Every structure is written in C-alpha cells, then in structure tokens.
C-alpha cells in the first residue's frame, strides 16, 4: 500500500514502525541520550525511538524539542524517519537540522507498530512493505 503526503525534509529510509496516536514532546518527553520515551503515561513510555520509523500525529511542547532531535541524531539514537498527520514547526526544524527524513499529511491510522515501511520523503511517499 502506498500513502502519499508532503515532504518536510528529504531523504529515504526503510525500517520498522513505532506508532502512537498521542502527540510527542521531545523536550522532557524523550531522553536525548537513549532515545527512550520518558513522558509519564505516554503510550510509548519506556520504548526507544532509536532506529525506528516514528509515527505520531504531531509534536507538542517547547521549541527546545528541535535540539533534542539533534542531540538524538548526534548520539546515534534518532528515529530513521518521522511520519506525521501534521508536522508542527518544532518537529520540522528538528528534522531539518538533524537530517531526518520526514513526511506529513499521511493517513497515519493505516500504520501500526511492527510494520516495515519505506519512506521516500523526497517524493512525500510512504510504502507499507508488509
């Protein structure tokens, strides 16, 4: 299945989806050294975004979240790609400065944790591989 959206930042990645229907705050909600979601009561609490295709509706929280994404990239704990329903400016800037492929305007409800997907952010396309 092919899902079409909009490019936020260029690039391509193939990997396993980590999905949540809850918004994510990287500042205070994600440990920049480990990639673990630490926000209390978040559905992904205790799970790592490292090496995953991270799928969530939109970002929330402080503009410092952009720099947390950058710190994750520098620590080797960043997501392979980000897919949103609607990318907010904090996530967009974080993806740009960290060079993380990102797309939005995707029907994220068609995705689920554990699926393998190919993200072609150059063309704003997500392909479900299984």
C-alpha atoms as a PDB file:
ATOM      1  CA  UNK A   1       0.000   0.000   0.000  1.00  0.00           C
ATOM      2  CA  UNK A   2       1.264   3.448  -0.927  1.00  0.00           C
ATOM      3  CA  UNK A   3       0.401   6.527   1.152  1.00  0.00           C
ATOM      4  CA  UNK A   4       1.002   9.963  -0.342  1.00  0.00           C
ATOM      5  CA  UNK A   5       1.728  13.076   1.655  1.00  0.00           C
ATOM      6  CA  UNK A   6       4.085  16.027   1.733  1.00  0.00           C
ATOM      7  CA  UNK A   7       7.859  16.251   2.121  1.00  0.00           C
ATOM      8  CA  UNK A   8       9.060  18.016   5.254  1.00  0.00           C
ATOM      9  CA  UNK A   9      12.719  17.022   4.889  1.00  0.00           C
ATOM     10  CA  UNK A  10      14.297  14.985   2.110  1.00  0.00           C
ATOM     11  CA  UNK A  11      15.735  11.535   2.349  1.00  0.00           C
ATOM     12  CA  UNK A  12      14.837   7.862   2.269  1.00  0.00           C
ATOM     13  CA  UNK A  13      14.652   5.235   4.979  1.00  0.00           C
ATOM     14  CA  UNK A  14      13.328   1.720   5.396  1.00  0.00           C
ATOM     15  CA  UNK A  15      12.516   0.297   8.781  1.00  0.00           C
ATOM     16  CA  UNK A  16      10.080  -0.791  11.445  1.00  0.00           C
ATOM     17  CA  UNK A  17       7.234   1.484  12.526  1.00  0.00           C
ATOM     18  CA  UNK A  18       6.863   2.688  16.098  1.00  0.00           C
ATOM     19  CA  UNK A  19       3.322   4.115  16.198  1.00  0.00           C
ATOM     20  CA  UNK A  20       1.359   6.179  18.677  1.00  0.00           C
ATOM     21  CA  UNK A  21      -1.892   8.099  18.430  1.00  0.00           C
ATOM     22  CA  UNK A  22      -0.553  10.511  21.091  1.00  0.00           C
ATOM     23  CA  UNK A  23       1.459  13.621  20.274  1.00  0.00           C
ATOM     24  CA  UNK A  24       5.135  13.585  21.280  1.00  0.00           C
ATOM     25  CA  UNK A  25       7.156  16.211  23.121  1.00  0.00           C
ATOM     26  CA  UNK A  26      10.842  15.607  22.615  1.00  0.00           C
ATOM     27  CA  UNK A  27      11.793  18.174  25.273  1.00  0.00           C
ATOM     28  CA  UNK A  28      11.127  16.436  28.573  1.00  0.00           C
ATOM     29  CA  UNK A  29       9.363  13.543  26.879  1.00  0.00           C
ATOM     30  CA  UNK A  30      12.327  11.763  25.301  1.00  0.00           C
ATOM     31  CA  UNK A  31      15.744  11.036  26.792  1.00  0.00           C
ATOM     32  CA  UNK A  32      18.261  12.561  24.331  1.00  0.00           C
ATOM     33  CA  UNK A  33      20.987  10.092  25.319  1.00  0.00           C
ATOM     34  CA  UNK A  34      18.997   6.857  24.968  1.00  0.00           C
ATOM     35  CA  UNK A  35      16.061   7.706  22.694  1.00  0.00           C
ATOM     36  CA  UNK A  36      13.648   6.346  25.312  1.00  0.00           C
ATOM     37  CA  UNK A  37      10.229   7.967  25.691  1.00  0.00           C
ATOM     38  CA  UNK A  38      10.145   9.059  29.346  1.00  0.00           C
ATOM     39  CA  UNK A  39       6.903  11.056  29.458  1.00  0.00           C
ATOM     40  CA  UNK A  40       4.753   9.581  32.221  1.00  0.00           C
ATOM     41  CA  UNK A  41       1.605   7.815  30.987  1.00  0.00           C
ATOM     42  CA  UNK A  42       2.549   8.217  27.310  1.00  0.00           C
ATOM     43  CA  UNK A  43       1.641   5.051  25.341  1.00  0.00           C
ATOM     44  CA  UNK A  44       5.290   4.744  24.239  1.00  0.00           C
ATOM     45  CA  UNK A  45       6.775   5.294  27.712  1.00  0.00           C
ATOM     46  CA  UNK A  46       9.779   3.005  28.119  1.00  0.00           C
ATOM     47  CA  UNK A  47      10.222   2.378  24.385  1.00  0.00           C
ATOM     48  CA  UNK A  48      13.061   3.742  22.271  1.00  0.00           C
ATOM     49  CA  UNK A  49      12.654   5.760  19.080  1.00  0.00           C
ATOM     50  CA  UNK A  50      16.204   4.834  18.020  1.00  0.00           C
ATOM     51  CA  UNK A  51      16.345   3.225  14.601  1.00  0.00           C
ATOM     52  CA  UNK A  52      12.565   3.241  14.140  1.00  0.00           C
ATOM     53  CA  UNK A  53      10.248   4.953  11.697  1.00  0.00           C
ATOM     54  CA  UNK A  54       8.433   7.070  14.264  1.00  0.00           C
ATOM     55  CA  UNK A  55       4.750   7.700  13.504  1.00  0.00           C
ATOM     56  CA  UNK A  56       2.667  10.139  15.558  1.00  0.00           C
ATOM     57  CA  UNK A  57       0.036  12.825  14.914  1.00  0.00           C
ATOM     58  CA  UNK A  58       2.103  15.963  15.662  1.00  0.00           C
ATOM     59  CA  UNK A  59       4.593  17.406  18.095  1.00  0.00           C
ATOM     60  CA  UNK A  60       3.886  19.254  21.299  1.00  0.00           C
ATOM     61  CA  UNK A  61       5.876  21.293  23.748  1.00  0.00           C
ATOM     62  CA  UNK A  62       8.873  23.574  23.740  1.00  0.00           C
ATOM     63  CA  UNK A  63      10.980  24.686  20.807  1.00  0.00           C
ATOM     64  CA  UNK A  64      13.893  23.008  22.604  1.00  0.00           C
ATOM     65  CA  UNK A  65      12.413  19.789  21.182  1.00  0.00           C
ATOM     66  CA  UNK A  66      14.153  20.591  17.885  1.00  0.00           C
ATOM     67  CA  UNK A  67      17.506  20.432  19.644  1.00  0.00           C
ATOM     68  CA  UNK A  68      16.575  17.200  21.413  1.00  0.00           C
ATOM     69  CA  UNK A  69      16.073  15.634  17.972  1.00  0.00           C
ATOM     70  CA  UNK A  70      19.514  16.973  17.025  1.00  0.00           C
ATOM     71  CA  UNK A  71      21.027  15.512  20.231  1.00  0.00           C
ATOM     72  CA  UNK A  72      19.396  12.159  19.434  1.00  0.00           C
ATOM     73  CA  UNK A  73      20.989  12.220  15.976  1.00  0.00           C
ATOM     74  CA  UNK A  74      24.419  13.047  17.391  1.00  0.00           C
ATOM     75  CA  UNK A  75      24.077  10.234  19.955  1.00  0.00           C
ATOM     76  CA  UNK A  76      23.045   7.720  17.270  1.00  0.00           C
ATOM     77  CA  UNK A  77      19.608   7.330  18.878  1.00  0.00           C
ATOM     78  CA  UNK A  78      17.405   9.219  16.411  1.00  0.00           C
ATOM     79  CA  UNK A  79      14.470   7.774  14.502  1.00  0.00           C
ATOM     80  CA  UNK A  80      15.262   6.633  10.948  1.00  0.00           C
ATOM     81  CA  UNK A  81      12.368   8.802   9.722  1.00  0.00           C
ATOM     82  CA  UNK A  82       9.333  10.645  11.068  1.00  0.00           C
ATOM     83  CA  UNK A  83       5.784  10.415   9.725  1.00  0.00           C
ATOM     84  CA  UNK A  84       3.087  12.781  10.984  1.00  0.00           C
ATOM     85  CA  UNK A  85      -0.505  13.599  10.297  1.00  0.00           C
ATOM     86  CA  UNK A  86       0.531  17.284  10.588  1.00  0.00           C
ATOM     87  CA  UNK A  87       4.126  18.263  11.304  1.00  0.00           C
ATOM     88  CA  UNK A  88       4.450  21.228  13.654  1.00  0.00           C
ATOM     89  CA  UNK A  89       7.350  23.731  13.344  1.00  0.00           C
ATOM     90  CA  UNK A  90       9.327  22.192  16.241  1.00  0.00           C
ATOM     91  CA  UNK A  91       9.406  18.751  14.611  1.00  0.00           C
ATOM     92  CA  UNK A  92      10.065  20.242  11.157  1.00  0.00           C
ATOM     93  CA  UNK A  93      13.079  22.235  12.371  1.00  0.00           C
ATOM     94  CA  UNK A  94      14.353  19.244  14.348  1.00  0.00           C
ATOM     95  CA  UNK A  95      14.196  17.018  11.273  1.00  0.00           C
ATOM     96  CA  UNK A  96      15.884  19.628   9.092  1.00  0.00           C
ATOM     97  CA  UNK A  97      18.821  20.319  11.424  1.00  0.00           C
ATOM     98  CA  UNK A  98      19.197  16.599  12.160  1.00  0.00           C
ATOM     99  CA  UNK A  99      18.722  15.494   8.537  1.00  0.00           C
ATOM    100  CA  UNK A 100      15.946  13.041   9.454  1.00  0.00           C
ATOM    101  CA  UNK A 101      13.640  12.207   6.523  1.00  0.00           C
ATOM    102  CA  UNK A 102      10.135  13.424   7.362  1.00  0.00           C
ATOM    103  CA  UNK A 103       6.708  13.482   5.734  1.00  0.00           C
ATOM    104  CA  UNK A 104       3.271  14.624   6.805  1.00  0.00           C
ATOM    105  CA  UNK A 105      -0.305  14.728   5.552  1.00  0.00           C
ATOM    106  CA  UNK A 106      -0.218  10.926   5.835  1.00  0.00           C
ATOM    107  CA  UNK A 107      -3.212   8.867   6.973  1.00  0.00           C
ATOM    108  CA  UNK A 108      -1.278   7.505   9.956  1.00  0.00           C
ATOM    109  CA  UNK A 109      -4.146   5.268  11.074  1.00  0.00           C
ATOM    110  CA  UNK A 110      -3.154   2.904   8.263  1.00  0.00           C
ATOM    111  CA  UNK A 111       0.171   2.293  10.013  1.00  0.00           C
ATOM    112  CA  UNK A 112       0.914   0.185  13.092  1.00  0.00           C
ATOM    113  CA  UNK A 113       3.857  -0.723  15.289  1.00  0.00           C
ATOM    114  CA  UNK A 114       5.967  -3.500  13.825  1.00  0.00           C
ATOM    115  CA  UNK A 115       5.152  -2.907  10.148  1.00  0.00           C
ATOM    116  CA  UNK A 116       8.057  -2.412   7.777  1.00  0.00           C
ATOM    117  CA  UNK A 117       7.775   0.697   5.658  1.00  0.00           C
ATOM    118  CA  UNK A 118       9.793   2.577   3.112  1.00  0.00           C
ATOM    119  CA  UNK A 119       9.800   6.343   3.498  1.00  0.00           C
ATOM    120  CA  UNK A 120      10.614   8.301   0.350  1.00  0.00           C
ATOM    121  CA  UNK A 121      10.491  11.796   1.783  1.00  0.00           C
ATOM    122  CA  UNK A 122      11.879  13.242  -1.452  1.00  0.00           C
ATOM    123  CA  UNK A 123       8.506  12.470  -3.020  1.00  0.00           C
ATOM    124  CA  UNK A 124       6.339  12.521   0.124  1.00  0.00           C
ATOM    125  CA  UNK A 125       5.523   8.805  -0.160  1.00  0.00           C
ATOM    126  CA  UNK A 126       5.296   6.019   2.425  1.00  0.00           C
ATOM    127  CA  UNK A 127       5.068   2.437   1.183  1.00  0.00           C
ATOM    128  CA  UNK A 128       3.916  -0.318   3.529  1.00  0.00           C
ATOM    129  CA  UNK A 129       6.098  -3.356   2.798  1.00  0.00           C
ATOM    130  CA  UNK A 130       4.231  -5.879   4.953  1.00  0.00           C
END
